[in-house]
Amino acid sequence: MADRLAEFAATTLAADALADQVDTVFLPDADVIADGRRRNTAPRFAGVETGGQVVVGSTRVDLAGSFAWALVEYRWMAPGQDRIREGRATLVFVRREGGAGWGIAAAHSSEVR
């Protein structure tokens, strides 16, 4: 299960760089904070801009019953523009009602400075 949630986190970050509206992975009342500011639309994660790509460096997932959280270190890169930003994120997952997978209840990210 931890491997699936790590992949879920990486896929969510990659979609963010593409400005995909991945609203279906976030619960309706999810709190998303990036560099101290609430974000409701893509890009949701600190240091990420539309375009470029996100590469996840490391992920740690912990499970506790119907909750899980992932600590993710990532880089956003814009090839050809010599721009790289590093970030760290914590995503809190909650099992959806009826056991129909997981949703993101909260995401907090900060750019590494």
C-alpha atoms as a PDB file:
ATOM      1  CA  MET A   1       0.000   0.000   0.000  1.00  0.00           C
ATOM      2  CA  ALA A   2       2.814   2.444   0.818  1.00  0.00           C
ATOM      3  CA  ASP A   3       4.260   1.998  -2.692  1.00  0.00           C
ATOM      4  CA  ARG A   4       0.879   2.797  -4.273  1.00  0.00           C
ATOM      5  CA  LEU A   5       0.526   5.961  -2.194  1.00  0.00           C
ATOM      6  CA  ALA A   6       4.085   7.026  -3.075  1.00  0.00           C
ATOM      7  CA  GLU A   7       3.185   6.643  -6.751  1.00  0.00           C
ATOM      8  CA  PHE A   8      -0.073   8.539  -6.147  1.00  0.00           C
ATOM      9  CA  ALA A   9       1.928  11.429  -4.653  1.00  0.00           C
ATOM     10  CA  ALA A  10       4.427  11.458  -7.559  1.00  0.00           C
ATOM     11  CA  THR A  11       1.636  11.383 -10.152  1.00  0.00           C
ATOM     12  CA  THR A  12      -0.154  14.258  -8.419  1.00  0.00           C
ATOM     13  CA  LEU A  13       3.016  16.388  -8.454  1.00  0.00           C
ATOM     14  CA  ALA A  14       3.713  15.590 -12.123  1.00  0.00           C
ATOM     15  CA  ALA A  15       0.151  16.559 -13.074  1.00  0.00           C
ATOM     16  CA  ASP A  16       0.574  19.838 -11.192  1.00  0.00           C
ATOM     17  CA  ALA A  17       3.431  20.912 -13.491  1.00  0.00           C
ATOM     18  CA  LEU A  18       1.195  20.200 -16.478  1.00  0.00           C
ATOM     19  CA  ALA A  19      -1.525  22.375 -14.908  1.00  0.00           C
ATOM     20  CA  ASP A  20      -3.866  19.390 -14.991  1.00  0.00           C
ATOM     21  CA  GLN A  21      -6.851  20.004 -12.795  1.00  0.00           C
ATOM     22  CA  VAL A  22      -6.526  16.898 -10.681  1.00  0.00           C
ATOM     23  CA  ASP A  23      -9.479  17.899  -8.531  1.00  0.00           C
ATOM     24  CA  THR A  24     -10.632  14.301  -8.326  1.00  0.00           C
ATOM     25  CA  VAL A  25      -7.620  13.341  -6.179  1.00  0.00           C
ATOM     26  CA  PHE A  26      -8.248  16.127  -3.671  1.00  0.00           C
ATOM     27  CA  LEU A  27     -11.157  15.798  -1.259  1.00  0.00           C
ATOM     28  CA  PRO A  28     -13.726  18.624  -1.616  1.00  0.00           C
ATOM     29  CA  ASP A  29     -12.620  20.312   1.617  1.00  0.00           C
ATOM     30  CA  ALA A  30      -8.883  19.683   1.175  1.00  0.00           C
ATOM     31  CA  ASP A  31      -6.464  22.275   2.528  1.00  0.00           C
ATOM     32  CA  VAL A  32      -3.663  23.047   0.082  1.00  0.00           C
ATOM     33  CA  ILE A  33      -0.965  25.428   1.255  1.00  0.00           C
ATOM     34  CA  ALA A  34       2.176  26.352  -0.713  1.00  0.00           C
ATOM     35  CA  ASP A  35       4.803  28.637   0.785  1.00  0.00           C
ATOM     36  CA  GLY A  36       2.260  29.808   3.356  1.00  0.00           C
ATOM     37  CA  ARG A  37      -0.509  30.629   0.856  1.00  0.00           C
ATOM     38  CA  ARG A  38      -3.688  28.737   0.075  1.00  0.00           C
ATOM     39  CA  ARG A  39      -3.878  27.395  -3.474  1.00  0.00           C
ATOM     40  CA  ASN A  40      -7.061  26.079  -5.018  1.00  0.00           C
ATOM     41  CA  THR A  41      -5.939  25.576  -8.614  1.00  0.00           C
ATOM     42  CA  ALA A  42      -2.868  24.236 -10.378  1.00  0.00           C
ATOM     43  CA  PRO A  43      -0.044  24.704  -9.850  1.00  0.00           C
ATOM     44  CA  ARG A  44      -0.738  23.818  -6.239  1.00  0.00           C
ATOM     45  CA  PHE A  45       2.757  22.956  -5.027  1.00  0.00           C
ATOM     46  CA  ALA A  46       5.523  25.369  -4.018  1.00  0.00           C
ATOM     47  CA  GLY A  47       8.147  26.066  -6.662  1.00  0.00           C
ATOM     48  CA  VAL A  48       6.090  24.505  -9.452  1.00  0.00           C
ATOM     49  CA  GLU A  49       5.078  26.525 -12.489  1.00  0.00           C
ATOM     50  CA  THR A  50       3.046  25.563 -15.515  1.00  0.00           C
ATOM     51  CA  GLY A  51       5.270  23.724 -17.953  1.00  0.00           C
ATOM     52  CA  GLY A  52       8.497  22.007 -17.165  1.00  0.00           C
ATOM     53  CA  GLN A  53       8.456  18.783 -15.232  1.00  0.00           C
ATOM     54  CA  VAL A  54       8.540  17.513 -11.683  1.00  0.00           C
ATOM     55  CA  VAL A  55      10.997  14.840 -10.622  1.00  0.00           C
ATOM     56  CA  VAL A  56      10.463  13.218  -7.243  1.00  0.00           C
ATOM     57  CA  GLY A  57      13.716  12.561  -5.415  1.00  0.00           C
ATOM     58  CA  SER A  58      12.505  10.714  -2.345  1.00  0.00           C
ATOM     59  CA  THR A  59       9.234   9.746  -0.736  1.00  0.00           C
ATOM     60  CA  ARG A  60       8.409   8.330   2.663  1.00  0.00           C
ATOM     61  CA  VAL A  61       4.911   7.032   3.369  1.00  0.00           C
ATOM     62  CA  ASP A  62       3.506   6.164   6.784  1.00  0.00           C
ATOM     63  CA  LEU A  63       0.163   4.411   7.309  1.00  0.00           C
ATOM     64  CA  ALA A  64      -2.136   4.514  10.337  1.00  0.00           C
ATOM     65  CA  GLY A  65      -5.508   2.847   9.774  1.00  0.00           C
ATOM     66  CA  SER A  66      -7.600   4.912   7.376  1.00  0.00           C
ATOM     67  CA  PHE A  67      -4.991   7.707   7.236  1.00  0.00           C
ATOM     68  CA  ALA A  68      -1.607   7.974   5.581  1.00  0.00           C
ATOM     69  CA  TRP A  69       0.882  10.716   4.968  1.00  0.00           C
ATOM     70  CA  ALA A  70       3.700  11.115   2.493  1.00  0.00           C
ATOM     71  CA  LEU A  71       6.804  13.252   2.831  1.00  0.00           C
ATOM     72  CA  VAL A  72       8.068  14.104  -0.635  1.00  0.00           C
ATOM     73  CA  GLU A  73      11.197  15.857  -1.865  1.00  0.00           C
ATOM     74  CA  TYR A  74      10.920  17.043  -5.454  1.00  0.00           C
ATOM     75  CA  ARG A  75      12.441  19.257  -8.129  1.00  0.00           C
ATOM     76  CA  TRP A  76      10.639  21.310 -10.736  1.00  0.00           C
ATOM     77  CA  MET A  77      12.736  21.843 -13.859  1.00  0.00           C
ATOM     78  CA  ALA A  78      12.205  23.927 -16.967  1.00  0.00           C
ATOM     79  CA  PRO A  79      14.541  22.460 -19.606  1.00  0.00           C
ATOM     80  CA  GLY A  80      16.016  25.031 -21.934  1.00  0.00           C
ATOM     81  CA  GLN A  81      15.445  27.807 -19.404  1.00  0.00           C
ATOM     82  CA  ASP A  82      18.086  26.736 -16.857  1.00  0.00           C
ATOM     83  CA  ARG A  83      15.513  26.928 -14.068  1.00  0.00           C
ATOM     84  CA  ILE A  84      15.378  24.427 -11.228  1.00  0.00           C
ATOM     85  CA  ARG A  85      13.455  24.714  -7.994  1.00  0.00           C
ATOM     86  CA  GLU A  86      13.491  22.307  -5.085  1.00  0.00           C
ATOM     87  CA  GLY A  87      10.534  21.685  -2.829  1.00  0.00           C
ATOM     88  CA  ARG A  88       9.260  19.540  -0.018  1.00  0.00           C
ATOM     89  CA  ALA A  89       5.676  18.496   0.493  1.00  0.00           C
ATOM     90  CA  THR A  90       3.579  16.635   3.014  1.00  0.00           C
ATOM     91  CA  LEU A  91       0.401  15.045   1.704  1.00  0.00           C
ATOM     92  CA  VAL A  92      -2.245  13.619   4.036  1.00  0.00           C
ATOM     93  CA  PHE A  93      -4.347  10.832   2.544  1.00  0.00           C
ATOM     94  CA  VAL A  94      -7.711   9.607   3.825  1.00  0.00           C
ATOM     95  CA  ARG A  95      -9.559   6.490   2.702  1.00  0.00           C
ATOM     96  CA  ARG A  96     -12.644   7.419   0.741  1.00  0.00           C
ATOM     97  CA  GLU A  97     -16.009   6.278   2.031  1.00  0.00           C
ATOM     98  CA  GLY A  98     -16.821   2.727   1.092  1.00  0.00           C
ATOM     99  CA  GLY A  99     -13.117   1.912   0.663  1.00  0.00           C
ATOM    100  CA  ALA A 100     -13.050   3.344  -2.875  1.00  0.00           C
ATOM    101  CA  GLY A 101      -9.399   4.364  -2.812  1.00  0.00           C
ATOM    102  CA  TRP A 102      -7.674   7.326  -1.216  1.00  0.00           C
ATOM    103  CA  GLY A 103      -8.120  11.084  -1.452  1.00  0.00           C
ATOM    104  CA  ILE A 104      -5.835  13.928  -0.459  1.00  0.00           C
ATOM    105  CA  ALA A 105      -7.200  15.751   2.594  1.00  0.00           C
ATOM    106  CA  ALA A 106      -4.291  18.183   2.989  1.00  0.00           C
ATOM    107  CA  ALA A 107      -1.118  19.173   1.189  1.00  0.00           C
ATOM    108  CA  HIS A 108       1.539  21.511   2.483  1.00  0.00           C
ATOM    109  CA  SER A 109       4.608  22.403   0.447  1.00  0.00           C
ATOM    110  CA  SER A 110       7.521  24.768   0.710  1.00  0.00           C
ATOM    111  CA  GLU A 111      10.257  25.739  -1.688  1.00  0.00           C
ATOM    112  CA  VAL A 112      13.742  24.926  -0.413  1.00  0.00           C
ATOM    113  CA  ARG A 113      15.701  28.160  -0.176  1.00  0.00           C
END
